[in-house]
Amino acid sequence: MKPVAREILPGIWRLSDARVVPSERSHFYLVTGSERDCLIDGGWGLDPVRAHLPRNPDKPIVAVATHSHFDHIGALWEFPERWGHAAERAVFAHPDRDNTQAFPYLAGRPVLVAGAEDGALADLPLRPCPLTRLVGDGDRLDLGNKSLTILHVPGHSPGSIAVHDDDAGLLFSGDIVHDGYIFDRIPGANSAVLRESHARILGLDPRLVLPGHGEPLDAQALKARILAYGSLRTR
């Protein structure tokens, strides 16, 4: 099945896996540039992605992973150029049910995928997608008519990154902030570090946040979500 695709802004597409129930879908984003394109994350990987992207297939494309959890790296193997943070390089090279957080999260929950039966998710595709470039805070990706900045924002995972379009005021946040439950009690997560990353994100004052789950957050919604998280974790 083709990914569900929606053009959020001119040249920026939000995609998700069609076979995953809407409440559990993770978003990945296509950012098109004049010289090359960027795919931010790769979803669950249940169906092919690259051939169905709304882009010129002759243009180079770079896949940038915000982190190495199963619902974000699924299709990365399809892209020869893969960027991510060194803290999670081993997971990208050798993903398994545990180090990608697929299990126990998916155990006994086949209802998350349309048509799946008990045990079907044991066969979740976790293909090796070793990083071809290790990125750090402040690295930039030139797309020709726009430039994206990599930000290291750990807390949800050690190597979580966000992608910032400075000129447009857009922030692709991965799972570091979104309008749902933010997992901070899983292996590799750290609530105190996450709050530091949230403070940094607020300091950027983005016009719009495009997260890995849920709907886009404007500046007011972003502030409210981060304040709510901070209140919950500092009680």
C-alpha atoms as a PDB file:
ATOM      1  CA  MET A   1       0.000   0.000   0.000  1.00  0.00           C
ATOM      2  CA  LYS A   2       1.114   3.559  -0.667  1.00  0.00           C
ATOM      3  CA  PRO A   3       1.876   5.793   2.313  1.00  0.00           C
ATOM      4  CA  VAL A   4      -0.808   8.226   3.367  1.00  0.00           C
ATOM      5  CA  ALA A   5       0.483  11.584   2.134  1.00  0.00           C
ATOM      6  CA  ARG A   6      -0.570  15.147   2.879  1.00  0.00           C
ATOM      7  CA  GLU A   7       1.145  18.337   1.741  1.00  0.00           C
ATOM      8  CA  ILE A   8       1.471  20.361   4.949  1.00  0.00           C
ATOM      9  CA  LEU A   9       3.161  23.336   3.287  1.00  0.00           C
ATOM     10  CA  PRO A  10       4.403  23.860  -0.280  1.00  0.00           C
ATOM     11  CA  GLY A  11       7.120  21.271  -0.870  1.00  0.00           C
ATOM     12  CA  ILE A  12       6.713  19.654   2.566  1.00  0.00           C
ATOM     13  CA  TRP A  13       4.785  16.403   2.806  1.00  0.00           C
ATOM     14  CA  ARG A  14       3.699  14.443   5.864  1.00  0.00           C
ATOM     15  CA  LEU A  15       3.546  10.693   5.299  1.00  0.00           C
ATOM     16  CA  SER A  16       2.505   7.690   7.370  1.00  0.00           C
ATOM     17  CA  ASP A  17       1.982   3.942   6.986  1.00  0.00           C
ATOM     18  CA  ALA A  18      -1.459   3.217   5.535  1.00  0.00           C
ATOM     19  CA  ARG A  19      -1.743  -0.202   7.204  1.00  0.00           C
ATOM     20  CA  VAL A  20      -1.198   1.144  10.705  1.00  0.00           C
ATOM     21  CA  VAL A  21      -4.331   2.316  12.505  1.00  0.00           C
ATOM     22  CA  PRO A  22      -4.441   6.134  12.519  1.00  0.00           C
ATOM     23  CA  SER A  23      -3.992   6.498  16.279  1.00  0.00           C
ATOM     24  CA  GLU A  24      -0.686   4.584  16.154  1.00  0.00           C
ATOM     25  CA  ARG A  25       0.830   6.002  12.986  1.00  0.00           C
ATOM     26  CA  SER A  26       4.171   7.710  13.117  1.00  0.00           C
ATOM     27  CA  HIS A  27       4.793  10.550  10.713  1.00  0.00           C
ATOM     28  CA  PHE A  28       7.740  10.920   8.399  1.00  0.00           C
ATOM     29  CA  TYR A  29       8.329  13.970   6.268  1.00  0.00           C
ATOM     30  CA  LEU A  30       9.529  14.752   2.769  1.00  0.00           C
ATOM     31  CA  VAL A  31      11.184  18.146   2.386  1.00  0.00           C
ATOM     32  CA  THR A  32      11.844  18.981  -1.256  1.00  0.00           C
ATOM     33  CA  GLY A  33      14.656  21.285  -2.317  1.00  0.00           C
ATOM     34  CA  SER A  34      15.908  22.691  -5.588  1.00  0.00           C
ATOM     35  CA  GLU A  35      19.049  20.514  -5.608  1.00  0.00           C
ATOM     36  CA  ARG A  36      18.129  17.554  -3.401  1.00  0.00           C
ATOM     37  CA  ASP A  37      15.406  16.331  -1.088  1.00  0.00           C
ATOM     38  CA  CYS A  38      15.330  15.158   2.507  1.00  0.00           C
ATOM     39  CA  LEU A  39      13.238  12.410   4.076  1.00  0.00           C
ATOM     40  CA  ILE A  40      12.955  12.807   7.835  1.00  0.00           C
ATOM     41  CA  ASP A  41      12.380   9.356   9.390  1.00  0.00           C
ATOM     42  CA  GLY A  42      11.004   6.245   7.706  1.00  0.00           C
ATOM     43  CA  GLY A  43       7.890   5.009   9.477  1.00  0.00           C
ATOM     44  CA  TRP A  44       7.150   1.372  10.285  1.00  0.00           C
ATOM     45  CA  GLY A  45       8.400   0.028   6.947  1.00  0.00           C
ATOM     46  CA  LEU A  46       5.450  -2.287   6.336  1.00  0.00           C
ATOM     47  CA  ASP A  47       5.261  -1.278   2.662  1.00  0.00           C
ATOM     48  CA  PRO A  48       7.695   0.307   0.177  1.00  0.00           C
ATOM     49  CA  VAL A  49       8.117   4.053   0.563  1.00  0.00           C
ATOM     50  CA  ARG A  50      10.741   5.454  -1.792  1.00  0.00           C
ATOM     51  CA  ALA A  51       8.907   4.630  -5.031  1.00  0.00           C
ATOM     52  CA  HIS A  52       5.767   6.386  -3.805  1.00  0.00           C
ATOM     53  CA  LEU A  53       7.219   9.670  -2.612  1.00  0.00           C
ATOM     54  CA  PRO A  54       5.737  12.759  -4.334  1.00  0.00           C
ATOM     55  CA  ARG A  55       9.046  13.949  -5.748  1.00  0.00           C
ATOM     56  CA  ASN A  56      11.290  13.884  -8.794  1.00  0.00           C
ATOM     57  CA  PRO A  57      12.949  10.449  -8.505  1.00  0.00           C
ATOM     58  CA  ASP A  58      16.017  11.648 -10.396  1.00  0.00           C
ATOM     59  CA  LYS A  59      16.916  14.153  -7.691  1.00  0.00           C
ATOM     60  CA  PRO A  60      19.273  13.033  -4.883  1.00  0.00           C
ATOM     61  CA  ILE A  61      17.656  12.376  -1.521  1.00  0.00           C
ATOM     62  CA  VAL A  62      19.055  12.119   2.011  1.00  0.00           C
ATOM     63  CA  ALA A  63      17.223  10.215   4.753  1.00  0.00           C
ATOM     64  CA  VAL A  64      17.674  11.731   8.214  1.00  0.00           C
ATOM     65  CA  ALA A  65      16.602   9.683  11.242  1.00  0.00           C
ATOM     66  CA  THR A  66      15.421  11.532  14.343  1.00  0.00           C
ATOM     67  CA  HIS A  67      16.050   8.379  16.402  1.00  0.00           C
ATOM     68  CA  SER A  68      16.233   4.598  16.090  1.00  0.00           C
ATOM     69  CA  HIS A  69      12.862   3.363  17.360  1.00  0.00           C
ATOM     70  CA  PHE A  70      11.026   0.791  15.240  1.00  0.00           C
ATOM     71  CA  ASP A  71       8.252   3.119  14.077  1.00  0.00           C
ATOM     72  CA  HIS A  72      10.728   5.634  12.658  1.00  0.00           C
ATOM     73  CA  ILE A  73      13.383   3.543  10.889  1.00  0.00           C
ATOM     74  CA  GLY A  74      11.300   1.034   8.922  1.00  0.00           C
ATOM     75  CA  ALA A  75      11.960   2.329   5.397  1.00  0.00           C
ATOM     76  CA  LEU A  76      15.414   3.842   5.908  1.00  0.00           C
ATOM     77  CA  TRP A  77      17.102   0.848   4.284  1.00  0.00           C
ATOM     78  CA  GLU A  78      15.586   1.943   0.949  1.00  0.00           C
ATOM     79  CA  PHE A  79      17.741   5.090   0.906  1.00  0.00           C
ATOM     80  CA  PRO A  80      21.482   4.846   0.182  1.00  0.00           C
ATOM     81  CA  GLU A  81      22.300   8.020   2.129  1.00  0.00           C
ATOM     82  CA  ARG A  82      21.272   7.816   5.792  1.00  0.00           C
ATOM     83  CA  TRP A  83      22.122  10.347   8.481  1.00  0.00           C
ATOM     84  CA  GLY A  84      21.713   9.935  12.236  1.00  0.00           C
ATOM     85  CA  HIS A  85      23.358  10.488  15.599  1.00  0.00           C
ATOM     86  CA  ALA A  86      26.365   8.456  16.714  1.00  0.00           C
ATOM     87  CA  ALA A  87      24.759   7.590  20.057  1.00  0.00           C
ATOM     88  CA  GLU A  88      22.399   5.186  18.267  1.00  0.00           C
ATOM     89  CA  ARG A  89      24.588   4.008  15.395  1.00  0.00           C
ATOM     90  CA  ALA A  90      24.653   0.397  16.662  1.00  0.00           C
ATOM     91  CA  VAL A  91      20.857   0.171  16.592  1.00  0.00           C
ATOM     92  CA  PHE A  92      20.650   1.358  12.989  1.00  0.00           C
ATOM     93  CA  ALA A  93      23.259  -1.212  11.974  1.00  0.00           C
ATOM     94  CA  HIS A  94      21.719  -4.103  13.920  1.00  0.00           C
ATOM     95  CA  PRO A  95      18.071  -3.361  14.738  1.00  0.00           C
ATOM     96  CA  ASP A  96      16.133  -5.931  16.728  1.00  0.00           C
ATOM     97  CA  ARG A  97      12.876  -6.153  18.657  1.00  0.00           C
ATOM     98  CA  ASP A  98      14.446  -4.932  21.878  1.00  0.00           C
ATOM     99  CA  ASN A  99      16.867  -2.171  20.917  1.00  0.00           C
ATOM    100  CA  THR A 100      14.265  -0.495  18.666  1.00  0.00           C
ATOM    101  CA  GLN A 101      11.639  -0.628  21.472  1.00  0.00           C
ATOM    102  CA  ALA A 102       9.338  -2.748  19.273  1.00  0.00           C
ATOM    103  CA  PHE A 103       8.785  -5.168  22.114  1.00  0.00           C
ATOM    104  CA  PRO A 104       7.247  -5.228  24.630  1.00  0.00           C
ATOM    105  CA  TYR A 105       5.269  -2.308  23.119  1.00  0.00           C
ATOM    106  CA  LEU A 106       3.835  -4.404  20.275  1.00  0.00           C
ATOM    107  CA  ALA A 107       3.424  -7.670  22.167  1.00  0.00           C
ATOM    108  CA  GLY A 108      -0.158  -8.899  21.873  1.00  0.00           C
ATOM    109  CA  ARG A 109      -1.306  -5.802  20.002  1.00  0.00           C
ATOM    110  CA  PRO A 110      -1.922  -6.955  16.397  1.00  0.00           C
ATOM    111  CA  VAL A 111      -4.893  -4.603  16.253  1.00  0.00           C
ATOM    112  CA  LEU A 112      -2.425  -1.815  15.502  1.00  0.00           C
ATOM    113  CA  VAL A 113      -2.035  -3.056  11.939  1.00  0.00           C
ATOM    114  CA  ALA A 114      -5.057  -3.542   9.701  1.00  0.00           C
ATOM    115  CA  GLY A 115      -5.596  -7.202   8.835  1.00  0.00           C
ATOM    116  CA  ALA A 116      -2.970  -8.521  11.242  1.00  0.00           C
ATOM    117  CA  GLU A 117      -3.642 -11.619  13.297  1.00  0.00           C
ATOM    118  CA  ASP A 118      -2.138 -12.671  16.621  1.00  0.00           C
ATOM    119  CA  GLY A 119       1.593 -13.026  16.229  1.00  0.00           C
ATOM    120  CA  ALA A 120       1.746 -11.183  12.907  1.00  0.00           C
ATOM    121  CA  LEU A 121       3.760  -8.341  14.375  1.00  0.00           C
ATOM    122  CA  ALA A 122       6.481 -10.763  15.385  1.00  0.00           C
ATOM    123  CA  ASP A 123       7.455 -10.463  11.723  1.00  0.00           C
ATOM    124  CA  LEU A 124       7.743  -6.676  11.816  1.00  0.00           C
ATOM    125  CA  PRO A 125      10.415  -5.810   9.254  1.00  0.00           C
ATOM    126  CA  LEU A 126      13.525  -4.518  10.988  1.00  0.00           C
ATOM    127  CA  ARG A 127      16.091  -4.252   8.228  1.00  0.00           C
ATOM    128  CA  PRO A 128      19.636  -3.063   8.909  1.00  0.00           C
ATOM    129  CA  CYS A 129      20.069   0.565   7.881  1.00  0.00           C
ATOM    130  CA  PRO A 130      23.601   1.496   8.961  1.00  0.00           C
ATOM    131  CA  LEU A 131      24.235   5.212   9.000  1.00  0.00           C
ATOM    132  CA  THR A 132      26.345   6.596   6.177  1.00  0.00           C
ATOM    133  CA  ARG A 133      26.959   9.868   8.024  1.00  0.00           C
ATOM    134  CA  LEU A 134      27.079  10.552  11.738  1.00  0.00           C
ATOM    135  CA  VAL A 135      25.623  13.951  12.523  1.00  0.00           C
ATOM    136  CA  GLY A 136      26.083  16.234  15.492  1.00  0.00           C
ATOM    137  CA  ASP A 137      24.539  19.365  16.876  1.00  0.00           C
ATOM    138  CA  GLY A 138      24.742  22.231  14.407  1.00  0.00           C
ATOM    139  CA  ASP A 139      25.416  20.169  11.290  1.00  0.00           C
ATOM    140  CA  ARG A 140      23.627  21.418   8.202  1.00  0.00           C
ATOM    141  CA  LEU A 141      21.986  19.821   5.194  1.00  0.00           C
ATOM    142  CA  ASP A 142      21.930  21.985   2.061  1.00  0.00           C
ATOM    143  CA  LEU A 143      18.968  21.295  -0.228  1.00  0.00           C
ATOM    144  CA  GLY A 144      19.798  24.115  -2.647  1.00  0.00           C
ATOM    145  CA  ASN A 145      17.110  26.694  -1.990  1.00  0.00           C
ATOM    146  CA  LYS A 146      16.941  25.920   1.717  1.00  0.00           C
ATOM    147  CA  SER A 147      19.197  24.661   4.480  1.00  0.00           C
ATOM    148  CA  LEU A 148      18.262  22.427   7.411  1.00  0.00           C
ATOM    149  CA  THR A 149      20.053  22.402  10.768  1.00  0.00           C
ATOM    150  CA  ILE A 150      20.501  19.292  12.907  1.00  0.00           C
ATOM    151  CA  LEU A 151      19.862  19.731  16.634  1.00  0.00           C
ATOM    152  CA  HIS A 152      20.823  17.115  19.220  1.00  0.00           C
ATOM    153  CA  VAL A 153      17.848  16.963  21.600  1.00  0.00           C
ATOM    154  CA  PRO A 154      18.254  13.841  23.778  1.00  0.00           C
ATOM    155  CA  GLY A 155      15.798  12.697  26.410  1.00  0.00           C
ATOM    156  CA  HIS A 156      13.390  10.433  24.552  1.00  0.00           C
ATOM    157  CA  SER A 157      16.469   8.534  23.385  1.00  0.00           C
ATOM    158  CA  PRO A 158      20.211   9.277  23.697  1.00  0.00           C
ATOM    159  CA  GLY A 159      20.632  10.183  20.045  1.00  0.00           C
ATOM    160  CA  SER A 160      17.364  11.987  19.373  1.00  0.00           C
ATOM    161  CA  ILE A 161      17.712  14.837  16.917  1.00  0.00           C
ATOM    162  CA  ALA A 162      15.381  17.487  15.576  1.00  0.00           C
ATOM    163  CA  VAL A 163      15.641  19.131  12.165  1.00  0.00           C
ATOM    164  CA  HIS A 164      15.251  22.906  12.034  1.00  0.00           C
ATOM    165  CA  ASP A 165      14.370  24.977   8.990  1.00  0.00           C
ATOM    166  CA  ASP A 166      15.618  28.259  10.431  1.00  0.00           C
ATOM    167  CA  ASP A 167      14.346  30.533   7.679  1.00  0.00           C
ATOM    168  CA  ALA A 168      10.828  29.094   7.612  1.00  0.00           C
ATOM    169  CA  GLY A 169      10.567  28.698  11.383  1.00  0.00           C
ATOM    170  CA  LEU A 170       9.793  24.981  11.104  1.00  0.00           C
ATOM    171  CA  LEU A 171      10.974  22.282  13.491  1.00  0.00           C
ATOM    172  CA  PHE A 172      10.715  18.567  12.748  1.00  0.00           C
ATOM    173  CA  SER A 173      10.751  17.237  16.289  1.00  0.00           C
ATOM    174  CA  GLY A 174      10.589  13.453  16.014  1.00  0.00           C
ATOM    175  CA  ASP A 175       9.314  12.150  19.362  1.00  0.00           C
ATOM    176  CA  ILE A 176      10.916  14.760  21.618  1.00  0.00           C
ATOM    177  CA  VAL A 177       7.629  16.674  21.709  1.00  0.00           C
ATOM    178  CA  HIS A 178       4.175  16.019  20.271  1.00  0.00           C
ATOM    179  CA  ASP A 179       0.563  16.259  21.411  1.00  0.00           C
ATOM    180  CA  GLY A 180       0.394  12.737  22.867  1.00  0.00           C
ATOM    181  CA  TYR A 181       2.109  10.787  25.618  1.00  0.00           C
ATOM    182  CA  ILE A 182       5.873  11.330  25.519  1.00  0.00           C
ATOM    183  CA  PHE A 183       7.661   8.108  26.407  1.00  0.00           C
ATOM    184  CA  ASP A 184      10.338   8.931  28.965  1.00  0.00           C
ATOM    185  CA  ARG A 185      10.399   5.750  31.065  1.00  0.00           C
ATOM    186  CA  ILE A 186      11.799   3.439  28.409  1.00  0.00           C
ATOM    187  CA  PRO A 187      15.418   2.262  28.026  1.00  0.00           C
ATOM    188  CA  GLY A 188      17.616   5.164  26.944  1.00  0.00           C
ATOM    189  CA  ALA A 189      15.141   7.860  27.980  1.00  0.00           C
ATOM    190  CA  ASN A 190      15.814  10.467  30.643  1.00  0.00           C
ATOM    191  CA  SER A 191      13.140  12.857  31.863  1.00  0.00           C
ATOM    192  CA  ALA A 192      15.554  15.474  33.224  1.00  0.00           C
ATOM    193  CA  VAL A 193      17.488  15.565  29.953  1.00  0.00           C
ATOM    194  CA  LEU A 194      14.206  15.714  28.052  1.00  0.00           C
ATOM    195  CA  ARG A 195      13.190  18.832  29.960  1.00  0.00           C
ATOM    196  CA  GLU A 196      16.499  20.444  29.012  1.00  0.00           C
ATOM    197  CA  SER A 197      15.808  19.667  25.357  1.00  0.00           C
ATOM    198  CA  HIS A 198      12.313  21.125  25.713  1.00  0.00           C
ATOM    199  CA  ALA A 199      13.791  24.348  27.083  1.00  0.00           C
ATOM    200  CA  ARG A 200      16.089  24.547  24.100  1.00  0.00           C
ATOM    201  CA  ILE A 201      13.212  24.011  21.685  1.00  0.00           C
ATOM    202  CA  LEU A 202      11.212  26.794  23.319  1.00  0.00           C
ATOM    203  CA  GLY A 203      14.222  29.064  22.927  1.00  0.00           C
ATOM    204  CA  LEU A 204      14.153  28.526  19.171  1.00  0.00           C
ATOM    205  CA  ASP A 205      10.622  29.972  19.061  1.00  0.00           C
ATOM    206  CA  PRO A 206       9.558  27.900  16.020  1.00  0.00           C
ATOM    207  CA  ARG A 207       6.509  29.034  14.092  1.00  0.00           C
ATOM    208  CA  LEU A 208       5.358  25.441  13.595  1.00  0.00           C
ATOM    209  CA  VAL A 209       6.477  22.072  14.958  1.00  0.00           C
ATOM    210  CA  LEU A 210       5.962  19.002  12.770  1.00  0.00           C
ATOM    211  CA  PRO A 211       6.151  16.034  15.164  1.00  0.00           C
ATOM    212  CA  GLY A 212       6.568  12.296  14.777  1.00  0.00           C
ATOM    213  CA  HIS A 213       3.049  11.695  16.090  1.00  0.00           C
ATOM    214  CA  GLY A 214      -0.145  13.703  16.185  1.00  0.00           C
ATOM    215  CA  GLU A 215      -0.906  17.052  14.648  1.00  0.00           C
ATOM    216  CA  PRO A 216       1.362  20.046  14.005  1.00  0.00           C
ATOM    217  CA  LEU A 217       1.919  22.372  16.951  1.00  0.00           C
ATOM    218  CA  ASP A 218       1.922  26.134  16.581  1.00  0.00           C
ATOM    219  CA  ALA A 219       3.910  28.279  19.010  1.00  0.00           C
ATOM    220  CA  GLN A 220       1.105  28.483  21.552  1.00  0.00           C
ATOM    221  CA  ALA A 221       0.355  24.744  21.453  1.00  0.00           C
ATOM    222  CA  LEU A 222       4.063  23.919  21.736  1.00  0.00           C
ATOM    223  CA  LYS A 223       4.469  26.031  24.848  1.00  0.00           C
ATOM    224  CA  ALA A 224       1.346  24.546  26.431  1.00  0.00           C
ATOM    225  CA  ARG A 225       2.465  20.984  25.712  1.00  0.00           C
ATOM    226  CA  ILE A 226       5.956  21.502  27.133  1.00  0.00           C
ATOM    227  CA  LEU A 227       4.617  23.268  30.228  1.00  0.00           C
ATOM    228  CA  ALA A 228       2.158  20.417  30.798  1.00  0.00           C
ATOM    229  CA  TYR A 229       4.933  17.843  30.525  1.00  0.00           C
ATOM    230  CA  GLY A 230       7.165  19.777  32.910  1.00  0.00           C
ATOM    231  CA  SER A 231       4.355  20.094  35.439  1.00  0.00           C
ATOM    232  CA  LEU A 232       3.682  16.352  35.273  1.00  0.00           C
ATOM    233  CA  ARG A 233       7.300  15.372  35.824  1.00  0.00           C
ATOM    234  CA  THR A 234       8.130  17.876  38.558  1.00  0.00           C
ATOM    235  CA  ARG A 235       5.234  17.107  40.884  1.00  0.00           C
END
